[in-house]
Amino acid sequence: MSKKVVLACVECMNRNYTTEKNPKLTNERLEVRKFCKNCGKHTLHRETK
């Protein structure tokens, strides 16, 4: 049972990516380093509410 989550760039707050996670296994917010097209570099992306 997975839930869709939206990832937003920490620097420019642009919502770039969507992914899925299992809320039963992970309670904390998802954090992934991904490429931000707006910033033009790899930055930390966090799960938004």
C-alpha atoms as a PDB file:
ATOM      1  CA  MET A   1       0.000   0.000   0.000  1.00  0.00           C
ATOM      2  CA  SER A   2       1.985   2.976  -1.252  1.00  0.00           C
ATOM      3  CA  LYS A   3       1.203   6.669  -1.040  1.00  0.00           C
ATOM      4  CA  LYS A   4       2.104   9.324  -3.626  1.00  0.00           C
ATOM      5  CA  VAL A   5       4.342  12.101  -2.317  1.00  0.00           C
ATOM      6  CA  VAL A   6       5.652  15.299  -3.904  1.00  0.00           C
ATOM      7  CA  LEU A   7       9.320  16.291  -3.570  1.00  0.00           C
ATOM      8  CA  ALA A   8      10.311  19.970  -3.434  1.00  0.00           C
ATOM      9  CA  CYS A   9      13.770  21.539  -3.812  1.00  0.00           C
ATOM     10  CA  VAL A  10      15.166  22.963  -0.557  1.00  0.00           C
ATOM     11  CA  GLU A  11      16.859  25.947  -2.239  1.00  0.00           C
ATOM     12  CA  CYS A  12      14.235  27.240  -4.690  1.00  0.00           C
ATOM     13  CA  MET A  13      11.151  25.427  -3.243  1.00  0.00           C
ATOM     14  CA  ASN A  14      10.185  24.258  -6.748  1.00  0.00           C
ATOM     15  CA  ARG A  15       8.084  21.067  -6.721  1.00  0.00           C
ATOM     16  CA  ASN A  16       9.910  18.942  -9.299  1.00  0.00           C
ATOM     17  CA  TYR A  17       9.336  15.262  -8.586  1.00  0.00           C
ATOM     18  CA  THR A  18       6.642  12.819  -7.500  1.00  0.00           C
ATOM     19  CA  THR A  19       7.336   9.396  -6.034  1.00  0.00           C
ATOM     20  CA  GLU A  20       5.754   6.715  -3.877  1.00  0.00           C
ATOM     21  CA  LYS A  21       6.541   5.537  -0.369  1.00  0.00           C
ATOM     22  CA  ASN A  22       5.137   3.052   2.101  1.00  0.00           C
ATOM     23  CA  PRO A  23       3.876   5.016   5.143  1.00  0.00           C
ATOM     24  CA  LYS A  24       3.843   1.873   7.301  1.00  0.00           C
ATOM     25  CA  LEU A  25       7.618   1.446   6.941  1.00  0.00           C
ATOM     26  CA  THR A  26       8.728   5.098   7.079  1.00  0.00           C
ATOM     27  CA  ASN A  27       7.078   7.755   9.249  1.00  0.00           C
ATOM     28  CA  GLU A  28       9.604  10.561   8.709  1.00  0.00           C
ATOM     29  CA  ARG A  29       9.714  12.752   5.613  1.00  0.00           C
ATOM     30  CA  LEU A  30      11.569  11.469   2.573  1.00  0.00           C
ATOM     31  CA  GLU A  31      14.808  13.305   1.633  1.00  0.00           C
ATOM     32  CA  VAL A  32      16.613  12.609  -1.658  1.00  0.00           C
ATOM     33  CA  ARG A  33      19.369  14.402  -3.586  1.00  0.00           C
ATOM     34  CA  LYS A  34      18.060  15.021  -7.117  1.00  0.00           C
ATOM     35  CA  PHE A  35      18.767  17.358 -10.038  1.00  0.00           C
ATOM     36  CA  CYS A  36      16.758  20.590  -9.953  1.00  0.00           C
ATOM     37  CA  LYS A  37      16.124  22.062 -13.406  1.00  0.00           C
ATOM     38  CA  ASN A  38      15.412  25.485 -11.916  1.00  0.00           C
ATOM     39  CA  CYS A  39      18.693  25.660  -9.921  1.00  0.00           C
ATOM     40  CA  GLY A  40      20.732  23.769 -12.534  1.00  0.00           C
ATOM     41  CA  LYS A  41      22.462  21.508  -9.978  1.00  0.00           C
ATOM     42  CA  HIS A  42      21.910  18.560  -7.642  1.00  0.00           C
ATOM     43  CA  THR A  43      20.147  19.667  -4.458  1.00  0.00           C
ATOM     44  CA  LEU A  44      18.299  18.102  -1.561  1.00  0.00           C
ATOM     45  CA  HIS A  45      14.594  17.466  -2.223  1.00  0.00           C
ATOM     46  CA  ARG A  46      12.198  16.901   0.675  1.00  0.00           C
ATOM     47  CA  GLU A  47       8.699  15.500   0.861  1.00  0.00           C
ATOM     48  CA  THR A  48       6.040  18.206   1.099  1.00  0.00           C
ATOM     49  CA  LYS A  49       2.811  18.081   3.079  1.00  0.00           C
END
